[in-house]
């Protein structure tokens, strides 16, 4: 009968029910990653296209010497490229506006993938100007012992629609003069041989016409 006085081995729970409780799981500390993420490689932006020249180059309203001159690009200067006309003309931006420059005397640089190809502006209507003629006694020259020669040319301005006149020496363009010009002079070395050959040409947007070439010799 003494067993009736032994303490109960079953613990009491509030609420009149029994349950088994387990210990709460321990949080696992985060594992720090030892890998290093490589950032995406940044691409270098393409350089904007531009041109440079090594000598004075005329920039005109179209692809050719019969178009009006807009600006002159000087040696060492650069200008942004805004268009291309095949096979070898670049359209550049200047303080006087956009104009056309030949690739023969300019060096393009930068990325040209986004440069648009353009069409040439129409040639204004009208005929080529009348050719000049050399005036009577229109040639004077003086030969120095050092080899230099003073040259002065005079011609008849026979055109009424010219944009200007061009003077060539031995086939090379050496001067571009305004409309109504009738003379030109320079001092240049005289190398003998075939002499000095001069041509004067009247031009406008439609074409050009030249006087006959004259040849000067020093005795």
N, C-alpha and C. Protein backbone atom coordinates (compact mmCIF):
# COMPACT_ATOMS: atom_id res chain seq x y z
N UNK A 1 0.83 -1.19 0.00
CA UNK A 1 0.00 0.00 0.00
C UNK A 1 0.86 1.23 0.00
N UNK A 2 2.11 1.05 0.34
CA UNK A 2 2.96 2.22 0.33
C UNK A 2 3.24 2.70 -1.08
N UNK A 3 2.96 1.83 -2.07
CA UNK A 3 3.19 2.26 -3.45
C UNK A 3 2.25 3.36 -3.85
N UNK A 4 1.10 3.44 -3.18
CA UNK A 4 0.14 4.49 -3.55
C UNK A 4 0.66 5.85 -3.18
N UNK A 5 1.65 5.92 -2.34
CA UNK A 5 2.17 7.22 -1.94
C UNK A 5 3.40 7.64 -2.72
N UNK A 6 3.82 6.86 -3.71
CA UNK A 6 4.98 7.23 -4.51
C UNK A 6 4.63 8.38 -5.45
N UNK A 7 5.52 9.24 -5.69
CA UNK A 7 5.22 10.37 -6.62
C UNK A 7 5.02 9.85 -8.03
N UNK A 8 4.14 10.56 -8.77
CA UNK A 8 3.85 10.18 -10.16
C UNK A 8 5.06 10.47 -11.02
N UNK A 9 5.28 9.54 -11.97
CA UNK A 9 6.41 9.74 -12.90
C UNK A 9 6.01 10.52 -14.12
N UNK A 10 4.71 10.82 -14.22
CA UNK A 10 4.24 11.58 -15.38
C UNK A 10 4.06 13.02 -14.99
N UNK A 11 4.85 13.99 -15.58
CA UNK A 11 4.70 15.40 -15.19
C UNK A 11 3.38 15.96 -15.62
N UNK A 12 2.90 16.94 -14.92
CA UNK A 12 1.64 17.59 -15.25
C UNK A 12 1.90 18.71 -16.24
N UNK A 13 0.95 18.93 -17.18
CA UNK A 13 1.01 20.02 -18.18
C UNK A 13 -0.23 20.85 -18.07
N UNK A 14 -0.04 22.13 -18.26
CA UNK A 14 -1.20 23.02 -18.24
C UNK A 14 -2.04 22.74 -19.46
N UNK A 15 -3.34 22.79 -19.28
CA UNK A 15 -4.23 22.57 -20.39
C UNK A 15 -4.72 21.14 -20.44
N UNK A 16 -4.19 20.28 -19.58
CA UNK A 16 -4.74 18.96 -19.50
C UNK A 16 -4.30 18.04 -20.60
N UNK A 17 -3.24 18.37 -21.34
CA UNK A 17 -2.79 17.49 -22.42
C UNK A 17 -1.31 17.29 -22.29
N UNK A 18 -0.80 16.29 -22.93
CA UNK A 18 0.62 15.97 -22.89
C UNK A 18 1.24 16.11 -24.26
N UNK A 19 2.51 16.56 -24.36
CA UNK A 19 3.23 16.69 -25.66
C UNK A 19 4.69 16.55 -25.40
N UNK A 20 5.41 16.26 -26.44
CA UNK A 20 6.86 16.12 -26.35
C UNK A 20 7.53 17.28 -27.08
N UNK A 21 8.34 18.10 -26.45
CA UNK A 21 9.01 19.26 -27.06
C UNK A 21 10.45 18.92 -27.35
N UNK A 22 10.95 19.35 -28.55
CA UNK A 22 12.36 19.15 -28.93
C UNK A 22 13.07 20.49 -28.94
N UNK A 23 14.37 20.45 -28.79
CA UNK A 23 15.15 21.70 -28.78
C UNK A 23 15.12 22.38 -30.13
N UNK A 24 15.02 23.71 -30.12
CA UNK A 24 15.00 24.48 -31.39
C UNK A 24 16.30 24.31 -32.13
N UNK A 25 16.25 24.15 -33.48
CA UNK A 25 17.50 23.97 -34.26
C UNK A 25 18.37 25.22 -34.21
N UNK A 26 19.68 25.00 -34.16
CA UNK A 26 20.62 26.11 -34.15
C UNK A 26 20.78 26.69 -35.56
N UNK A 27 20.74 28.05 -35.67
CA UNK A 27 20.92 28.69 -36.98
C UNK A 27 22.34 28.47 -37.48
N UNK A 28 22.43 28.11 -38.76
CA UNK A 28 23.75 27.87 -39.36
C UNK A 28 24.33 29.20 -39.82
N UNK A 29 25.49 29.58 -39.36
CA UNK A 29 26.05 30.89 -39.80
C UNK A 29 26.33 30.88 -41.29
N UNK A 30 26.08 32.03 -41.99
CA UNK A 30 26.32 32.09 -43.45
C UNK A 30 27.78 31.85 -43.76
N UNK A 31 27.98 31.13 -44.85
CA UNK A 31 29.34 30.84 -45.30
C UNK A 31 29.77 31.92 -46.27
N UNK A 32 30.80 32.60 -45.97
CA UNK A 32 31.29 33.68 -46.82
C UNK A 32 31.92 33.09 -48.09
N UNK A 33 31.45 33.58 -49.23
CA UNK A 33 31.98 33.06 -50.49
C UNK A 33 33.40 33.54 -50.70
N UNK A 34 34.20 32.61 -51.15
CA UNK A 34 35.60 32.96 -51.42
C UNK A 34 35.84 33.33 -52.86
N UNK A 35 34.76 33.24 -53.72
CA UNK A 35 34.93 33.58 -55.14
C UNK A 35 34.79 35.07 -55.33
N UNK A 36 35.49 35.61 -56.30
CA UNK A 36 35.44 37.04 -56.63
C UNK A 36 34.73 37.24 -57.95
N UNK A 37 33.68 38.04 -57.98
CA UNK A 37 32.92 38.29 -59.20
C UNK A 37 33.65 39.29 -60.08
N UNK A 38 33.81 38.91 -61.33
CA UNK A 38 34.52 39.79 -62.27
C UNK A 38 33.54 40.78 -62.88
N UNK A 39 33.79 42.08 -62.71
CA UNK A 39 32.85 43.05 -63.29
C UNK A 39 32.90 43.00 -64.81
N UNK A 40 31.79 43.34 -65.48
CA UNK A 40 31.79 43.33 -66.95
C UNK A 40 32.80 44.32 -67.49
N UNK A 41 33.47 43.90 -68.57
CA UNK A 41 34.50 44.75 -69.16
C UNK A 41 33.87 45.94 -69.85
N UNK A 42 34.36 47.12 -69.58
CA UNK A 42 33.83 48.33 -70.20
C UNK A 42 34.52 48.56 -71.54
N UNK A 43 33.71 48.79 -72.58
CA UNK A 43 34.25 49.05 -73.90
C UNK A 43 34.59 50.52 -74.04
N UNK A 44 35.72 50.76 -74.63
CA UNK A 44 36.15 52.14 -74.85
C UNK A 44 35.33 52.75 -75.98
N UNK A 45 34.75 53.93 -75.75
CA UNK A 45 33.94 54.53 -76.82
C UNK A 45 34.78 54.83 -78.05
N UNK A 46 34.15 54.61 -79.22
CA UNK A 46 34.85 54.86 -80.48
C UNK A 46 35.11 56.36 -80.63
N UNK A 47 36.25 56.68 -81.19
CA UNK A 47 36.63 58.08 -81.38
C UNK A 47 35.83 58.68 -82.53
N UNK A 48 35.27 59.85 -82.32
CA UNK A 48 34.48 60.51 -83.36
C UNK A 48 35.35 60.79 -84.58
N UNK A 49 34.81 60.61 -85.79
CA UNK A 49 35.62 60.79 -87.00
C UNK A 49 35.96 62.25 -87.26
N UNK A 50 37.16 62.49 -87.77
CA UNK A 50 37.58 63.83 -88.14
C UNK A 50 38.65 63.72 -89.21
N UNK A 51 39.01 64.86 -89.81
CA UNK A 51 40.06 64.89 -90.82
C UNK A 51 41.10 65.93 -90.43
N UNK A 52 42.31 65.73 -90.93
CA UNK A 52 43.39 66.70 -90.81
C UNK A 52 44.03 66.88 -92.18
N UNK A 53 44.67 68.02 -92.38
CA UNK A 53 45.32 68.29 -93.66
C UNK A 53 46.77 68.69 -93.41
N UNK A 54 47.60 68.48 -94.43
CA UNK A 54 49.00 68.84 -94.32
C UNK A 54 49.34 70.12 -95.05
N UNK A 55 48.37 70.66 -95.80
CA UNK A 55 48.56 71.92 -96.51
C UNK A 55 47.21 72.61 -96.60
N UNK A 56 47.18 73.82 -97.09
CA UNK A 56 45.92 74.56 -97.20
C UNK A 56 45.03 73.88 -98.24
N UNK A 57 43.82 73.52 -97.85
CA UNK A 57 42.88 72.82 -98.73
C UNK A 57 41.55 73.56 -98.74
N UNK A 58 41.00 73.76 -99.93
CA UNK A 58 39.71 74.41 -100.07
C UNK A 58 38.59 73.42 -99.74
N UNK A 59 37.58 73.91 -99.05
CA UNK A 59 36.39 73.13 -98.73
C UNK A 59 35.20 73.81 -99.41
N UNK A 60 34.45 73.05 -100.24
CA UNK A 60 33.48 73.66 -101.15
C UNK A 60 32.06 73.16 -100.89
N UNK A 61 31.12 73.73 -101.65
CA UNK A 61 29.71 73.36 -101.50
C UNK A 61 29.37 72.05 -102.19
N UNK A 62 30.31 71.46 -102.88
CA UNK A 62 30.08 70.19 -103.56
C UNK A 62 31.40 69.55 -103.94
N UNK A 63 31.33 68.36 -104.56
CA UNK A 63 32.53 67.59 -104.86
C UNK A 63 33.21 67.99 -106.16
N UNK A 64 33.89 69.12 -106.15
CA UNK A 64 34.61 69.55 -107.34
C UNK A 64 34.98 71.01 -107.27
N UNK A 65 35.94 71.38 -108.11
CA UNK A 65 36.43 72.75 -108.07
C UNK A 65 35.46 73.75 -108.68
N UNK A 66 34.38 73.26 -109.32
CA UNK A 66 33.41 74.18 -109.89
C UNK A 66 32.35 74.61 -108.88
N UNK A 67 32.43 74.10 -107.66
CA UNK A 67 31.53 74.53 -106.59
C UNK A 67 32.17 75.67 -105.80
N UNK A 68 31.34 76.49 -105.20
CA UNK A 68 31.83 77.64 -104.44
C UNK A 68 32.66 77.18 -103.24
N UNK A 69 33.66 77.96 -102.92
CA UNK A 69 34.47 77.68 -101.74
C UNK A 69 33.77 78.21 -100.49
N UNK A 70 33.69 77.37 -99.47
CA UNK A 70 33.06 77.74 -98.20
C UNK A 70 34.12 78.14 -97.18
N UNK A 71 35.20 77.37 -97.12
CA UNK A 71 36.23 77.61 -96.11
C UNK A 71 37.55 77.05 -96.61
N UNK A 72 38.62 77.42 -95.93
CA UNK A 72 39.94 76.85 -96.17
C UNK A 72 40.40 76.17 -94.89
N UNK A 73 40.84 74.92 -95.01
CA UNK A 73 41.34 74.17 -93.87
C UNK A 73 42.87 74.32 -93.88
N UNK A 74 43.43 74.78 -92.78
CA UNK A 74 44.85 75.08 -92.68
C UNK A 74 45.62 73.89 -92.14
N UNK A 75 46.92 73.81 -92.45
CA UNK A 75 47.74 72.70 -91.94
C UNK A 75 47.68 72.60 -90.41
N UNK A 76 47.47 71.40 -89.92
CA UNK A 76 47.36 71.18 -88.49
C UNK A 76 45.95 71.30 -87.95
N UNK A 77 45.04 71.93 -88.71
CA UNK A 77 43.66 72.04 -88.26
C UNK A 77 42.95 70.70 -88.42
N UNK A 78 41.90 70.50 -87.65
CA UNK A 78 41.06 69.31 -87.78
C UNK A 78 39.61 69.74 -87.82
N UNK A 79 38.76 68.90 -88.43
CA UNK A 79 37.34 69.21 -88.54
C UNK A 79 36.55 67.91 -88.46
N UNK A 80 35.40 67.90 -87.75
CA UNK A 80 34.60 66.69 -87.63
C UNK A 80 33.97 66.28 -88.96
N UNK A 81 33.92 64.99 -89.22
CA UNK A 81 33.34 64.45 -90.45
C UNK A 81 31.86 64.15 -90.21
N UNK A 82 30.99 64.62 -91.12
CA UNK A 82 29.55 64.39 -90.98
C UNK A 82 28.97 63.62 -92.15
N UNK A 83 29.78 63.31 -93.17
CA UNK A 83 29.27 62.56 -94.31
C UNK A 83 30.39 62.13 -95.23
N UNK A 84 30.05 61.22 -96.15
CA UNK A 84 31.01 60.69 -97.12
C UNK A 84 30.34 60.60 -98.48
N UNK A 85 31.10 60.97 -99.53
CA UNK A 85 30.62 60.85 -100.91
C UNK A 85 31.66 60.07 -101.69
N UNK A 86 31.30 58.87 -102.17
CA UNK A 86 32.29 58.05 -102.86
C UNK A 86 32.65 58.65 -104.22
N UNK A 87 33.90 58.43 -104.66
CA UNK A 87 34.85 57.54 -103.99
C UNK A 87 35.75 58.21 -102.96
N UNK A 88 35.85 59.57 -102.94
CA UNK A 88 36.91 60.13 -102.09
C UNK A 88 36.63 61.56 -101.66
N UNK A 89 35.41 61.83 -101.23
CA UNK A 89 35.10 63.16 -100.69
C UNK A 89 34.50 63.01 -99.30
N UNK A 90 34.91 63.91 -98.40
CA UNK A 90 34.37 63.94 -97.05
C UNK A 90 33.60 65.23 -96.85
N UNK A 91 32.49 65.15 -96.15
CA UNK A 91 31.72 66.34 -95.79
C UNK A 91 32.05 66.63 -94.33
N UNK A 92 32.53 67.83 -94.07
CA UNK A 92 32.96 68.19 -92.73
C UNK A 92 32.18 69.39 -92.23
N UNK A 93 32.23 69.59 -90.93
CA UNK A 93 31.55 70.72 -90.30
C UNK A 93 32.58 71.80 -89.97
N UNK A 94 32.32 73.03 -90.42
CA UNK A 94 33.19 74.16 -90.13
C UNK A 94 32.36 75.31 -89.56
N UNK A 95 33.01 76.35 -89.11
CA UNK A 95 32.29 77.51 -88.57
C UNK A 95 31.51 78.24 -89.66
N UNK A 96 31.85 77.97 -90.93
CA UNK A 96 31.11 78.56 -92.05
C UNK A 96 30.01 77.64 -92.57
N UNK A 97 29.83 76.49 -91.93
CA UNK A 97 28.83 75.53 -92.38
C UNK A 97 29.50 74.26 -92.91
N UNK A 98 28.66 73.30 -93.28
CA UNK A 98 29.17 72.05 -93.83
C UNK A 98 29.73 72.28 -95.23
N UNK A 99 30.81 71.56 -95.55
CA UNK A 99 31.40 71.69 -96.87
C UNK A 99 32.13 70.40 -97.24
N UNK A 100 32.53 70.31 -98.51
CA UNK A 100 33.09 69.10 -99.09
C UNK A 100 34.59 69.27 -99.30
N UNK A 101 35.35 68.26 -98.89
CA UNK A 101 36.80 68.31 -99.03
C UNK A 101 37.28 66.99 -99.64
N UNK A 102 38.22 67.06 -100.56
CA UNK A 102 38.70 65.86 -101.22
C UNK A 102 39.62 65.06 -100.30
N UNK A 103 39.50 63.74 -100.36
CA UNK A 103 40.36 62.88 -99.58
C UNK A 103 41.78 62.84 -100.10
N UNK A 104 42.00 63.39 -101.30
CA UNK A 104 43.34 63.38 -101.87
C UNK A 104 44.31 64.21 -101.04
N UNK A 105 43.81 65.28 -100.41
CA UNK A 105 44.67 66.18 -99.65
C UNK A 105 44.32 66.20 -98.16
N UNK A 106 43.60 65.20 -97.67
CA UNK A 106 43.22 65.16 -96.27
C UNK A 106 43.39 63.74 -95.74
N UNK A 107 43.55 63.65 -94.41
CA UNK A 107 43.74 62.36 -93.75
C UNK A 107 42.60 62.12 -92.78
N UNK A 108 41.73 61.13 -93.06
CA UNK A 108 40.65 60.83 -92.13
C UNK A 108 41.14 60.01 -90.94
N UNK A 109 40.55 60.25 -89.76
CA UNK A 109 40.90 59.53 -88.53
C UNK A 109 39.64 59.25 -87.73
N UNK A 110 39.74 58.25 -86.84
CA UNK A 110 38.62 57.91 -86.00
C UNK A 110 37.78 56.79 -86.57
N UNK A 111 36.58 56.60 -86.03
CA UNK A 111 35.67 55.54 -86.45
C UNK A 111 34.64 56.10 -87.42
N UNK A 112 34.51 55.45 -88.59
CA UNK A 112 33.62 55.95 -89.63
C UNK A 112 32.41 55.05 -89.85
N UNK A 113 32.18 54.13 -88.91
CA UNK A 113 31.09 53.17 -89.10
C UNK A 113 29.71 53.84 -89.13
N UNK A 114 29.58 54.97 -88.45
CA UNK A 114 28.28 55.64 -88.39
C UNK A 114 28.19 56.84 -89.34
N UNK A 115 29.22 57.07 -90.15
CA UNK A 115 29.20 58.21 -91.07
C UNK A 115 28.31 57.88 -92.27
N UNK A 116 27.29 58.68 -92.54
CA UNK A 116 26.39 58.36 -93.66
C UNK A 116 27.01 58.70 -95.01
N UNK A 117 26.60 57.94 -96.02
CA UNK A 117 26.96 58.24 -97.40
C UNK A 117 25.91 59.18 -97.97
N UNK A 118 26.34 60.25 -98.62
CA UNK A 118 25.42 61.28 -99.10
C UNK A 118 25.49 61.37 -100.63
N UNK A 119 24.56 62.10 -101.19
CA UNK A 119 24.54 62.35 -102.63
C UNK A 119 25.03 63.76 -102.90
N UNK A 120 25.56 63.97 -104.09
CA UNK A 120 26.11 65.28 -104.44
C UNK A 120 24.99 66.28 -104.71
N UNK A 121 25.19 67.53 -104.33
CA UNK A 121 24.19 68.55 -104.64
C UNK A 121 24.16 68.81 -106.15
N UNK A 122 23.02 69.21 -106.67
CA UNK A 122 22.94 69.45 -108.12
C UNK A 122 23.80 70.64 -108.53
N UNK A 123 24.34 70.55 -109.73
CA UNK A 123 25.10 71.66 -110.28
C UNK A 123 24.13 72.75 -110.74
N UNK A 124 24.30 73.99 -110.30
CA UNK A 124 23.37 75.05 -110.71
C UNK A 124 23.32 75.17 -112.24
N UNK A 125 22.13 75.49 -112.75
CA UNK A 125 22.01 75.61 -114.21
C UNK A 125 22.80 76.80 -114.74
N UNK A 126 23.08 76.72 -116.03
CA UNK A 126 23.83 77.79 -116.67
C UNK A 126 25.04 77.24 -117.39
N UNK A 127 25.55 77.97 -118.33
CA UNK A 127 26.68 77.51 -119.11
C UNK A 127 28.01 77.91 -118.50
N UNK A 128 29.06 77.27 -119.02
CA UNK A 128 30.41 77.62 -118.59
C UNK A 128 30.76 79.03 -119.04
N UNK A 129 31.63 79.71 -118.34
CA UNK A 129 31.99 81.08 -118.74
C UNK A 129 32.85 81.11 -120.00
N UNK A 130 32.87 82.27 -120.62
CA UNK A 130 33.74 82.45 -121.78
C UNK A 130 35.20 82.43 -121.34
N UNK A 131 36.05 81.86 -122.19
CA UNK A 131 37.47 81.77 -121.85
C UNK A 131 38.13 83.14 -121.89
N UNK A 132 39.05 83.41 -120.97
CA UNK A 132 39.81 84.67 -121.05
C UNK A 132 40.81 84.61 -122.21
N UNK A 133 41.25 85.76 -122.63
CA UNK A 133 42.32 85.85 -123.62
C UNK A 133 43.41 86.75 -123.05
N UNK A 134 44.65 86.41 -123.36
CA UNK A 134 45.74 87.22 -122.85
C UNK A 134 45.76 88.58 -123.53
N UNK A 135 45.90 89.62 -122.72
CA UNK A 135 45.92 90.98 -123.25
C UNK A 135 47.19 91.21 -124.06
N UNK A 136 47.12 92.16 -124.94
CA UNK A 136 48.29 92.54 -125.72
C UNK A 136 49.35 93.11 -124.78
N UNK A 137 50.55 92.63 -124.96
CA UNK A 137 51.64 93.02 -124.06
C UNK A 137 51.28 92.72 -122.61
N UNK A 138 50.55 91.63 -122.41
CA UNK A 138 50.08 91.27 -121.08
C UNK A 138 51.08 90.45 -120.28
N UNK A 139 52.29 90.26 -120.82
CA UNK A 139 53.30 89.48 -120.12
C UNK A 139 54.49 90.36 -119.80
N UNK A 140 54.85 90.40 -118.54
CA UNK A 140 56.11 91.03 -118.16
C UNK A 140 56.82 90.11 -117.19
N UNK A 141 58.13 89.99 -117.35
CA UNK A 141 58.91 89.17 -116.42
C UNK A 141 60.34 89.68 -116.33
N UNK A 142 60.93 89.45 -115.19
CA UNK A 142 62.30 89.87 -114.96
C UNK A 142 63.04 88.72 -114.30
N UNK A 143 64.16 88.32 -114.90
CA UNK A 143 64.93 87.19 -114.41
C UNK A 143 66.12 87.69 -113.59
N UNK A 144 66.21 87.26 -112.34
CA UNK A 144 67.33 87.62 -111.49
C UNK A 144 68.48 86.63 -111.70
N UNK A 145 69.68 87.09 -111.37
CA UNK A 145 70.83 86.20 -111.47
C UNK A 145 70.75 85.05 -110.48
N UNK A 146 70.00 85.22 -109.38
CA UNK A 146 69.87 84.17 -108.38
C UNK A 146 68.98 83.02 -108.83
N UNK A 147 68.25 83.23 -109.94
CA UNK A 147 67.34 82.19 -110.41
C UNK A 147 65.88 82.51 -110.21
N UNK A 148 65.55 83.53 -109.40
CA UNK A 148 64.16 83.92 -109.22
C UNK A 148 63.69 84.75 -110.41
N UNK A 149 62.38 84.74 -110.62
CA UNK A 149 61.79 85.48 -111.74
C UNK A 149 60.54 86.19 -111.27
N UNK A 150 60.43 87.49 -111.60
CA UNK A 150 59.20 88.24 -111.36
C UNK A 150 58.28 88.05 -112.56
N UNK A 151 57.06 87.62 -112.31
CA UNK A 151 56.08 87.37 -113.37
C UNK A 151 54.86 88.22 -113.12
N UNK A 152 54.36 88.86 -114.18
CA UNK A 152 53.09 89.56 -114.11
C UNK A 152 52.29 89.25 -115.37
N UNK A 153 51.05 88.76 -115.16
CA UNK A 153 50.17 88.37 -116.25
C UNK A 153 48.98 89.31 -116.30
N UNK A 154 48.46 89.54 -117.50
CA UNK A 154 47.25 90.34 -117.68
C UNK A 154 46.40 89.66 -118.75
N UNK A 155 45.10 89.63 -118.54
CA UNK A 155 44.21 88.98 -119.50
C UNK A 155 42.91 89.77 -119.63
N UNK A 156 42.16 89.45 -120.68
CA UNK A 156 40.86 90.07 -120.92
C UNK A 156 39.78 89.25 -120.22
N UNK A 157 38.99 89.92 -119.41
CA UNK A 157 37.87 89.28 -118.72
C UNK A 157 36.69 89.23 -119.67
N UNK A 158 36.56 88.12 -120.40
CA UNK A 158 35.53 88.00 -121.44
C UNK A 158 34.22 87.41 -120.94
N UNK A 159 34.15 86.99 -119.69
CA UNK A 159 32.96 86.33 -119.17
C UNK A 159 32.15 87.29 -118.30
N UNK A 160 30.84 87.03 -118.24
CA UNK A 160 29.98 87.82 -117.36
C UNK A 160 29.26 86.94 -116.34
N UNK A 161 29.65 85.67 -116.31
CA UNK A 161 29.00 84.75 -115.36
C UNK A 161 30.02 83.88 -114.63
N UNK A 162 31.27 84.35 -114.57
CA UNK A 162 32.28 83.55 -113.89
C UNK A 162 32.18 83.70 -112.38
N UNK A 163 32.59 82.65 -111.67
CA UNK A 163 32.74 82.71 -110.22
C UNK A 163 34.13 83.20 -109.84
N UNK A 164 35.06 83.06 -110.75
CA UNK A 164 36.42 83.48 -110.47
C UNK A 164 37.37 82.97 -111.54
N UNK A 165 38.65 83.18 -111.27
CA UNK A 165 39.71 82.75 -112.20
C UNK A 165 40.74 81.91 -111.44
N UNK A 166 41.30 80.94 -112.14
CA UNK A 166 42.38 80.12 -111.60
C UNK A 166 43.61 80.28 -112.47
N UNK A 167 44.75 80.32 -111.81
CA UNK A 167 46.03 80.45 -112.50
C UNK A 167 46.84 79.18 -112.23
N UNK A 168 47.35 78.59 -113.31
CA UNK A 168 48.16 77.38 -113.22
C UNK A 168 49.57 77.68 -113.71
N UNK A 169 50.53 77.15 -112.98
CA UNK A 169 51.93 77.20 -113.42
C UNK A 169 52.44 75.78 -113.62
N UNK A 170 52.88 75.50 -114.84
CA UNK A 170 53.35 74.16 -115.20
C UNK A 170 52.33 73.09 -114.79
N UNK A 171 51.05 73.41 -115.02
CA UNK A 171 49.98 72.46 -114.76
C UNK A 171 49.50 72.40 -113.33
N UNK A 172 50.10 73.16 -112.42
CA UNK A 172 49.73 73.13 -111.01
C UNK A 172 48.96 74.39 -110.64
N UNK A 173 47.83 74.21 -109.96
CA UNK A 173 47.04 75.36 -109.53
C UNK A 173 47.80 76.14 -108.48
N UNK A 174 48.04 77.44 -108.73
CA UNK A 174 48.80 78.26 -107.78
C UNK A 174 47.98 79.41 -107.22
N UNK A 175 46.84 79.73 -107.85
CA UNK A 175 46.04 80.87 -107.34
C UNK A 175 44.60 80.72 -107.81
N UNK A 176 43.68 81.14 -106.94
CA UNK A 176 42.26 81.22 -107.28
C UNK A 176 41.81 82.64 -106.95
N UNK A 177 41.36 83.34 -107.98
CA UNK A 177 41.06 84.78 -107.86
C UNK A 177 39.56 85.01 -107.97
N UNK A 178 39.06 86.12 -107.44
CA UNK A 178 37.62 86.40 -107.52
C UNK A 178 37.19 86.79 -108.92
N UNK A 179 35.87 86.85 -109.11
CA UNK A 179 35.31 87.25 -110.40
C UNK A 179 35.80 88.64 -110.78
N UNK A 180 35.89 88.87 -112.09
CA UNK A 180 36.31 90.14 -112.68
C UNK A 180 37.79 90.42 -112.50
N UNK A 181 38.56 89.43 -112.05
CA UNK A 181 40.01 89.62 -111.97
C UNK A 181 40.59 89.63 -113.39
N UNK A 182 41.68 90.38 -113.57
CA UNK A 182 42.28 90.48 -114.91
C UNK A 182 43.80 90.50 -114.85
N UNK A 183 44.41 90.19 -113.69
CA UNK A 183 45.86 90.20 -113.60
C UNK A 183 46.33 89.32 -112.45
N UNK A 184 47.60 88.95 -112.51
CA UNK A 184 48.22 88.12 -111.47
C UNK A 184 49.72 88.34 -111.54
N UNK A 185 50.37 88.37 -110.38
CA UNK A 185 51.83 88.47 -110.38
C UNK A 185 52.40 87.67 -109.22
N UNK A 186 53.63 87.21 -109.41
CA UNK A 186 54.32 86.43 -108.39
C UNK A 186 55.82 86.46 -108.65
N UNK A 187 56.60 86.05 -107.66
CA UNK A 187 58.03 85.81 -107.81
C UNK A 187 58.25 84.33 -107.57
N UNK A 188 58.88 83.66 -108.51
CA UNK A 188 59.02 82.22 -108.43
C UNK A 188 60.40 81.79 -108.94
N UNK A 189 60.94 80.69 -108.44
CA UNK A 189 62.22 80.21 -108.97
C UNK A 189 62.10 79.81 -110.43
N UNK A 190 63.14 80.07 -111.18
CA UNK A 190 63.20 79.66 -112.58
C UNK A 190 64.28 78.59 -112.71
N UNK A 191 63.84 77.41 -113.13
CA UNK A 191 64.75 76.27 -113.18
C UNK A 191 65.24 75.96 -114.59
N UNK A 192 64.86 76.79 -115.53
CA UNK A 192 65.30 76.55 -116.91
C UNK A 192 64.53 75.42 -117.55
N UNK A 193 65.17 74.74 -118.48
CA UNK A 193 64.51 73.61 -119.13
C UNK A 193 63.33 74.05 -119.97
N UNK A 194 62.12 73.57 -119.61
CA UNK A 194 60.93 73.84 -120.40
C UNK A 194 60.36 75.23 -120.15
N UNK A 195 60.98 76.02 -119.29
CA UNK A 195 60.47 77.37 -119.01
C UNK A 195 59.32 77.33 -118.03
N UNK A 196 58.62 78.44 -117.95
CA UNK A 196 57.45 78.57 -117.07
C UNK A 196 56.20 78.64 -117.92
N UNK A 197 55.29 77.71 -117.71
CA UNK A 197 54.06 77.64 -118.50
C UNK A 197 52.89 78.11 -117.64
N UNK A 198 52.17 79.12 -118.12
CA UNK A 198 51.05 79.68 -117.36
C UNK A 198 49.75 79.51 -118.14
N UNK A 199 48.69 79.14 -117.38
CA UNK A 199 47.34 79.02 -117.94
C UNK A 199 46.39 79.76 -117.02
N UNK A 200 45.49 80.54 -117.60
CA UNK A 200 44.46 81.25 -116.84
C UNK A 200 43.11 80.66 -117.23
N UNK A 201 42.29 80.35 -116.24
CA UNK A 201 41.02 79.66 -116.45
C UNK A 201 39.90 80.40 -115.77
N UNK A 202 38.81 80.65 -116.48
CA UNK A 202 37.58 81.18 -115.88
C UNK A 202 36.69 80.00 -115.50
N UNK A 203 35.99 80.09 -114.37
CA UNK A 203 35.16 78.96 -113.93
C UNK A 203 33.89 79.45 -113.25
N UNK A 204 32.88 78.59 -113.27
CA UNK A 204 31.68 78.76 -112.46
C UNK A 204 31.16 77.37 -112.12
N UNK A 205 29.92 77.27 -111.58
CA UNK A 205 29.41 75.97 -111.15
C UNK A 205 29.19 75.01 -112.30
N UNK A 206 29.03 75.52 -113.51
CA UNK A 206 28.72 74.67 -114.65
C UNK A 206 29.95 74.16 -115.38
N UNK A 207 31.07 74.83 -115.24
CA UNK A 207 32.26 74.39 -115.96
C UNK A 207 33.35 75.44 -115.95
N UNK A 208 34.28 75.28 -116.85
CA UNK A 208 35.42 76.20 -116.91
C UNK A 208 35.90 76.31 -118.34
N UNK A 209 36.66 77.36 -118.60
CA UNK A 209 37.25 77.58 -119.93
C UNK A 209 38.59 78.28 -119.74
N UNK A 210 39.59 77.85 -120.48
CA UNK A 210 40.95 78.32 -120.27
C UNK A 210 41.46 79.12 -121.45
N UNK A 211 42.35 80.05 -121.14
CA UNK A 211 43.12 80.71 -122.18
C UNK A 211 44.22 79.76 -122.63
N UNK A 212 44.77 79.99 -123.79
CA UNK A 212 45.88 79.17 -124.25
C UNK A 212 47.08 79.34 -123.32
N UNK A 213 47.80 78.26 -123.14
CA UNK A 213 48.97 78.30 -122.28
C UNK A 213 50.10 79.11 -122.92
N UNK A 214 50.72 79.96 -122.13
CA UNK A 214 51.86 80.73 -122.58
C UNK A 214 53.11 80.23 -121.84
N UNK A 215 54.24 80.28 -122.52
CA UNK A 215 55.50 79.79 -121.94
C UNK A 215 56.51 80.94 -121.90
N UNK A 216 57.13 81.13 -120.74
CA UNK A 216 58.11 82.19 -120.57
C UNK A 216 59.49 81.56 -120.37
N UNK A 217 60.50 82.20 -120.95
CA UNK A 217 61.88 81.75 -120.81
C UNK A 217 62.75 82.90 -120.34
N UNK A 218 63.76 82.59 -119.57
CA UNK A 218 64.78 83.57 -119.20
C UNK A 218 66.01 83.28 -120.05
N UNK A 219 66.57 84.34 -120.64
CA UNK A 219 67.76 84.17 -121.48
C UNK A 219 68.99 83.99 -120.61
